[in-house]
């Protein structure tokens, strides 16, 4: 495969675009994993911003009949696991370190 073919086809796993994207996602994942929650304000903000459940899952109904179901799309997000882990660390910080009741965020 020559360079022109890989640039013209960004779907190729060996293309510069695919490599750049993979590198950027890896960097973002590492940064999210390194975020330390050590401030109650930050922990509360994270728990408010990151939903407990995927907000995109829906049942589409018309006149009381379910027409179709839109499955959760969160798992398609390449940073899903890291964002959920960050929310979990914030919840643990509030419960364990601050002794707060976190049921409002569940």
N, C-alpha and C. Protein backbone atom coordinates (compact mmCIF):
# COMPACT_ATOMS: atom_id res chain seq x y z
N UNK A 1 0.85 -1.17 0.00
CA UNK A 1 0.00 0.00 0.00
C UNK A 1 0.90 1.23 0.00
N UNK A 2 0.62 2.15 -0.91
CA UNK A 2 1.43 3.36 -0.94
C UNK A 2 0.78 4.46 -0.10
N UNK A 3 1.49 5.53 0.10
CA UNK A 3 1.04 6.61 0.96
C UNK A 3 -0.22 7.27 0.41
N UNK A 4 -0.30 7.43 -0.89
CA UNK A 4 -1.47 8.07 -1.49
C UNK A 4 -2.73 7.26 -1.23
N UNK A 5 -2.65 5.96 -1.28
CA UNK A 5 -3.80 5.11 -1.03
C UNK A 5 -4.26 5.23 0.41
N UNK A 6 -3.33 5.26 1.37
CA UNK A 6 -3.72 5.34 2.77
C UNK A 6 -4.29 6.70 3.14
N UNK A 7 -3.84 7.76 2.48
CA UNK A 7 -4.40 9.09 2.76
C UNK A 7 -5.79 9.19 2.13
N UNK A 8 -5.96 8.62 0.94
CA UNK A 8 -7.25 8.69 0.27
C UNK A 8 -8.30 7.85 0.97
N UNK A 9 -7.88 6.82 1.66
CA UNK A 9 -8.81 5.93 2.35
C UNK A 9 -8.59 6.04 3.86
N UNK A 10 -9.26 6.99 4.53
CA UNK A 10 -9.06 7.16 5.98
C UNK A 10 -9.55 5.99 6.80
N UNK A 11 -10.32 5.07 6.20
CA UNK A 11 -10.80 3.91 6.94
C UNK A 11 -9.75 2.83 7.08
N UNK A 12 -8.67 2.95 6.35
CA UNK A 12 -7.59 1.97 6.44
C UNK A 12 -6.95 2.06 7.82
N UNK A 13 -6.68 0.93 8.43
CA UNK A 13 -6.09 0.92 9.77
C UNK A 13 -4.66 1.42 9.77
N UNK A 14 -4.02 1.43 8.64
CA UNK A 14 -2.64 1.90 8.56
C UNK A 14 -2.54 3.33 8.07
N UNK A 15 -3.65 4.00 7.86
CA UNK A 15 -3.62 5.36 7.34
C UNK A 15 -3.13 6.32 8.41
N UNK A 16 -2.54 7.42 7.99
CA UNK A 16 -2.10 8.43 8.96
C UNK A 16 -3.25 8.99 9.81
N UNK A 17 -4.43 9.10 9.21
CA UNK A 17 -5.58 9.62 9.96
C UNK A 17 -5.97 8.64 11.06
N UNK A 18 -6.00 7.35 10.74
CA UNK A 18 -6.36 6.34 11.74
C UNK A 18 -5.33 6.28 12.86
N UNK A 19 -4.06 6.39 12.51
CA UNK A 19 -3.01 6.38 13.54
C UNK A 19 -3.11 7.60 14.42
N UNK A 20 -3.36 8.77 13.83
CA UNK A 20 -3.49 10.00 14.60
C UNK A 20 -4.68 9.91 15.54
N UNK A 21 -5.80 9.40 15.03
CA UNK A 21 -7.01 9.25 15.86
C UNK A 21 -6.77 8.30 17.02
N UNK A 22 -6.12 7.18 16.74
CA UNK A 22 -5.83 6.21 17.80
C UNK A 22 -4.92 6.81 18.86
N UNK A 23 -3.94 7.58 18.42
CA UNK A 23 -3.02 8.23 19.36
C UNK A 23 -3.75 9.26 20.22
N UNK A 24 -4.61 10.05 19.60
CA UNK A 24 -5.36 11.06 20.35
C UNK A 24 -6.31 10.41 21.36
N UNK A 25 -6.98 9.34 20.95
CA UNK A 25 -7.88 8.66 21.88
C UNK A 25 -7.12 8.05 23.04
N UNK A 26 -5.95 7.48 22.76
CA UNK A 26 -5.14 6.90 23.83
C UNK A 26 -4.70 7.99 24.81
N UNK A 27 -4.31 9.13 24.29
CA UNK A 27 -3.89 10.25 25.14
C UNK A 27 -5.06 10.73 26.00
N UNK A 28 -6.23 10.88 25.40
CA UNK A 28 -7.40 11.32 26.16
C UNK A 28 -7.78 10.31 27.24
N UNK A 29 -7.72 9.03 26.91
CA UNK A 29 -8.03 7.99 27.90
C UNK A 29 -7.08 8.06 29.08
N UNK A 30 -5.79 8.22 28.78
CA UNK A 30 -4.79 8.29 29.85
C UNK A 30 -5.01 9.51 30.72
N UNK A 31 -5.35 10.64 30.11
CA UNK A 31 -5.59 11.85 30.89
C UNK A 31 -6.82 11.71 31.79
N UNK A 32 -7.87 11.13 31.25
CA UNK A 32 -9.06 10.92 32.07
C UNK A 32 -8.79 9.96 33.22
N UNK A 33 -7.99 8.93 32.96
CA UNK A 33 -7.66 7.97 34.02
C UNK A 33 -6.79 8.59 35.11
N UNK A 34 -6.05 9.64 34.77
CA UNK A 34 -5.15 10.26 35.74
C UNK A 34 -5.81 11.37 36.55
N UNK A 35 -7.03 11.73 36.22
CA UNK A 35 -7.71 12.79 36.98
C UNK A 35 -7.97 12.28 38.38
N UNK A 36 -7.44 13.01 39.36
CA UNK A 36 -7.65 12.66 40.76
C UNK A 36 -8.75 13.55 41.33
N UNK A 37 -9.70 12.94 41.94
CA UNK A 37 -10.79 13.69 42.56
C UNK A 37 -10.42 13.91 44.01
N UNK A 38 -10.06 15.15 44.33
CA UNK A 38 -9.64 15.47 45.70
C UNK A 38 -10.23 16.79 46.16
N UNK A 39 -11.35 17.16 45.56
CA UNK A 39 -12.01 18.41 45.88
C UNK A 39 -13.52 18.15 45.83
N UNK A 40 -14.25 18.45 46.91
CA UNK A 40 -15.69 18.18 46.91
C UNK A 40 -16.45 18.91 45.80
N UNK A 41 -16.05 20.14 45.49
CA UNK A 41 -16.73 20.88 44.42
C UNK A 41 -16.57 20.18 43.08
N UNK A 42 -15.35 19.73 42.80
CA UNK A 42 -15.10 19.00 41.55
C UNK A 42 -15.89 17.70 41.52
N UNK A 43 -15.91 17.00 42.62
CA UNK A 43 -16.65 15.73 42.69
C UNK A 43 -18.13 15.94 42.44
N UNK A 44 -18.72 16.96 43.06
CA UNK A 44 -20.13 17.25 42.84
C UNK A 44 -20.39 17.63 41.38
N UNK A 45 -19.52 18.44 40.82
CA UNK A 45 -19.68 18.88 39.43
C UNK A 45 -19.61 17.67 38.47
N UNK A 46 -18.66 16.78 38.71
CA UNK A 46 -18.54 15.59 37.86
C UNK A 46 -19.78 14.71 37.95
N UNK A 47 -20.29 14.54 39.17
CA UNK A 47 -21.49 13.72 39.36
C UNK A 47 -22.72 14.35 38.71
N UNK A 48 -22.75 15.67 38.64
CA UNK A 48 -23.87 16.35 37.99
C UNK A 48 -23.75 16.29 36.47
N UNK A 49 -22.54 16.40 35.96
CA UNK A 49 -22.34 16.45 34.51
C UNK A 49 -22.38 15.09 33.83
N UNK A 50 -21.89 14.07 34.50
CA UNK A 50 -21.83 12.73 33.91
C UNK A 50 -23.06 11.96 34.36
N UNK A 51 -23.93 11.60 33.44
CA UNK A 51 -25.17 10.91 33.84
C UNK A 51 -24.92 9.50 34.35
N UNK A 52 -25.80 9.06 35.25
CA UNK A 52 -25.68 7.72 35.81
C UNK A 52 -26.07 6.66 34.78
N UNK A 53 -26.95 7.00 33.87
CA UNK A 53 -27.38 6.08 32.83
C UNK A 53 -27.24 6.77 31.48
N UNK A 54 -27.15 5.98 30.47
CA UNK A 54 -27.03 6.53 29.12
C UNK A 54 -28.29 7.33 28.78
N UNK A 55 -28.14 8.62 28.47
CA UNK A 55 -29.32 9.44 28.23
C UNK A 55 -29.96 9.25 26.86
N UNK A 56 -29.36 8.46 26.00
CA UNK A 56 -29.86 8.35 24.64
C UNK A 56 -30.78 7.16 24.42
N UNK A 57 -30.87 6.27 25.39
CA UNK A 57 -31.73 5.10 25.23
C UNK A 57 -33.19 5.55 25.35
N UNK A 58 -33.98 5.19 24.37
CA UNK A 58 -35.37 5.63 24.35
C UNK A 58 -36.29 4.55 23.79
N UNK A 59 -37.51 4.56 24.28
CA UNK A 59 -38.60 3.81 23.66
C UNK A 59 -39.47 4.84 22.95
N UNK A 60 -39.69 4.67 21.69
CA UNK A 60 -40.52 5.58 20.92
C UNK A 60 -41.93 4.99 20.90
N UNK A 61 -42.86 5.75 21.48
CA UNK A 61 -44.24 5.27 21.57
C UNK A 61 -45.17 6.25 20.87
N UNK A 62 -46.25 5.71 20.37
CA UNK A 62 -47.28 6.52 19.73
C UNK A 62 -48.63 5.95 20.15
N UNK A 63 -49.44 6.78 20.77
CA UNK A 63 -50.75 6.37 21.28
C UNK A 63 -50.65 5.17 22.21
N UNK A 64 -49.63 5.18 23.06
CA UNK A 64 -49.46 4.13 24.06
C UNK A 64 -48.85 2.84 23.54
N UNK A 65 -48.53 2.77 22.27
CA UNK A 65 -47.90 1.57 21.69
C UNK A 65 -46.44 1.85 21.39
N UNK A 66 -45.60 0.94 21.80
CA UNK A 66 -44.17 1.08 21.55
C UNK A 66 -43.89 0.77 20.08
N UNK A 67 -43.39 1.78 19.37
CA UNK A 67 -43.09 1.59 17.95
C UNK A 67 -41.72 0.94 17.75
N UNK A 68 -40.72 1.49 18.45
CA UNK A 68 -39.38 0.91 18.37
C UNK A 68 -38.54 1.40 19.54
N UNK A 69 -37.42 0.77 19.70
CA UNK A 69 -36.50 1.04 20.81
C UNK A 69 -35.16 1.52 20.24
N UNK A 70 -34.67 2.63 20.76
CA UNK A 70 -33.34 3.11 20.39
C UNK A 70 -32.39 2.63 21.47
N UNK A 71 -31.44 1.76 21.13
CA UNK A 71 -30.54 1.21 22.15
C UNK A 71 -29.58 2.26 22.68
N UNK A 72 -28.98 2.02 23.83
CA UNK A 72 -28.01 2.98 24.37
C UNK A 72 -26.81 3.10 23.44
N UNK A 73 -26.45 4.32 23.15
CA UNK A 73 -25.33 4.57 22.25
C UNK A 73 -24.03 4.85 23.01
N UNK A 74 -24.09 4.92 24.31
CA UNK A 74 -22.92 5.28 25.09
C UNK A 74 -21.75 4.33 24.87
N UNK A 75 -22.05 3.06 24.72
CA UNK A 75 -20.96 2.09 24.55
C UNK A 75 -20.21 2.30 23.25
N UNK A 76 -20.78 3.05 22.32
CA UNK A 76 -20.08 3.38 21.08
C UNK A 76 -19.09 4.51 21.29
N UNK A 77 -19.23 5.24 22.38
CA UNK A 77 -18.31 6.34 22.69
C UNK A 77 -16.96 5.73 23.07
N UNK A 78 -15.88 6.10 22.39
CA UNK A 78 -14.58 5.49 22.70
C UNK A 78 -14.04 5.86 24.08
N UNK A 79 -14.60 6.86 24.72
CA UNK A 79 -14.14 7.28 26.06
C UNK A 79 -15.14 6.89 27.14
N UNK A 80 -16.11 6.06 26.81
CA UNK A 80 -17.19 5.71 27.74
C UNK A 80 -16.66 5.13 29.05
N UNK A 81 -15.80 4.14 28.98
CA UNK A 81 -15.30 3.47 30.19
C UNK A 81 -14.55 4.45 31.09
N UNK A 82 -13.76 5.33 30.50
CA UNK A 82 -12.97 6.28 31.29
C UNK A 82 -13.86 7.32 31.97
N UNK A 83 -14.90 7.78 31.26
CA UNK A 83 -15.81 8.77 31.83
C UNK A 83 -16.62 8.16 32.98
N UNK A 84 -17.09 6.94 32.79
CA UNK A 84 -17.84 6.25 33.85
C UNK A 84 -16.94 6.01 35.06
N UNK A 85 -15.69 5.65 34.82
CA UNK A 85 -14.75 5.44 35.93
C UNK A 85 -14.48 6.74 36.67
N UNK A 86 -14.41 7.85 35.95
CA UNK A 86 -14.21 9.15 36.58
C UNK A 86 -15.39 9.50 37.47
N UNK A 87 -16.59 9.25 37.00
CA UNK A 87 -17.78 9.50 37.81
C UNK A 87 -17.78 8.62 39.06
N UNK A 88 -17.38 7.37 38.89
CA UNK A 88 -17.30 6.45 40.03
C UNK A 88 -16.28 6.94 41.06
N UNK A 89 -15.13 7.42 40.60
CA UNK A 89 -14.12 7.95 41.54
C UNK A 89 -14.67 9.16 42.29
N UNK A 90 -15.44 10.00 41.60
CA UNK A 90 -16.03 11.17 42.25
C UNK A 90 -17.05 10.73 43.31
N UNK A 91 -17.88 9.74 42.97
CA UNK A 91 -18.85 9.23 43.94
C UNK A 91 -18.16 8.61 45.15
N UNK A 92 -17.12 7.85 44.90
CA UNK A 92 -16.37 7.23 46.01
C UNK A 92 -15.73 8.28 46.90
N UNK A 93 -15.19 9.33 46.29
CA UNK A 93 -14.58 10.40 47.07
C UNK A 93 -15.62 11.06 47.98
N UNK A 94 -16.78 11.37 47.42
CA UNK A 94 -17.82 12.01 48.22
C UNK A 94 -18.30 11.10 49.36
N UNK A 95 -18.45 9.82 49.08
CA UNK A 95 -18.95 8.89 50.10
C UNK A 95 -17.87 8.55 51.13
N UNK A 96 -16.68 8.20 50.67
CA UNK A 96 -15.63 7.71 51.57
C UNK A 96 -14.87 8.82 52.28
N UNK A 97 -14.47 9.83 51.53
CA UNK A 97 -13.63 10.89 52.11
C UNK A 97 -14.44 11.99 52.77
N UNK A 98 -15.55 12.37 52.13
CA UNK A 98 -16.36 13.47 52.65
C UNK A 98 -17.51 13.00 53.52
N UNK A 99 -17.82 11.71 53.48
CA UNK A 99 -18.91 11.17 54.28
C UNK A 99 -20.28 11.66 53.86
N UNK A 100 -20.43 12.01 52.60
CA UNK A 100 -21.71 12.55 52.12
C UNK A 100 -22.61 11.43 51.62
N UNK A 101 -23.90 11.73 51.63
CA UNK A 101 -24.89 10.81 51.08
C UNK A 101 -24.95 11.03 49.57
N UNK A 102 -24.69 9.99 48.80
CA UNK A 102 -24.62 10.12 47.35
C UNK A 102 -25.85 9.56 46.65
N UNK A 103 -26.91 9.27 47.37
CA UNK A 103 -28.09 8.69 46.76
C UNK A 103 -28.74 9.63 45.75
N UNK A 104 -28.52 10.92 45.87
CA UNK A 104 -29.08 11.88 44.90
C UNK A 104 -28.46 11.70 43.53
N UNK A 105 -27.27 11.11 43.45
CA UNK A 105 -26.57 10.93 42.18
C UNK A 105 -26.74 9.52 41.60
N UNK A 106 -27.51 8.69 42.27
CA UNK A 106 -27.68 7.32 41.79
C UNK A 106 -28.97 7.13 41.03
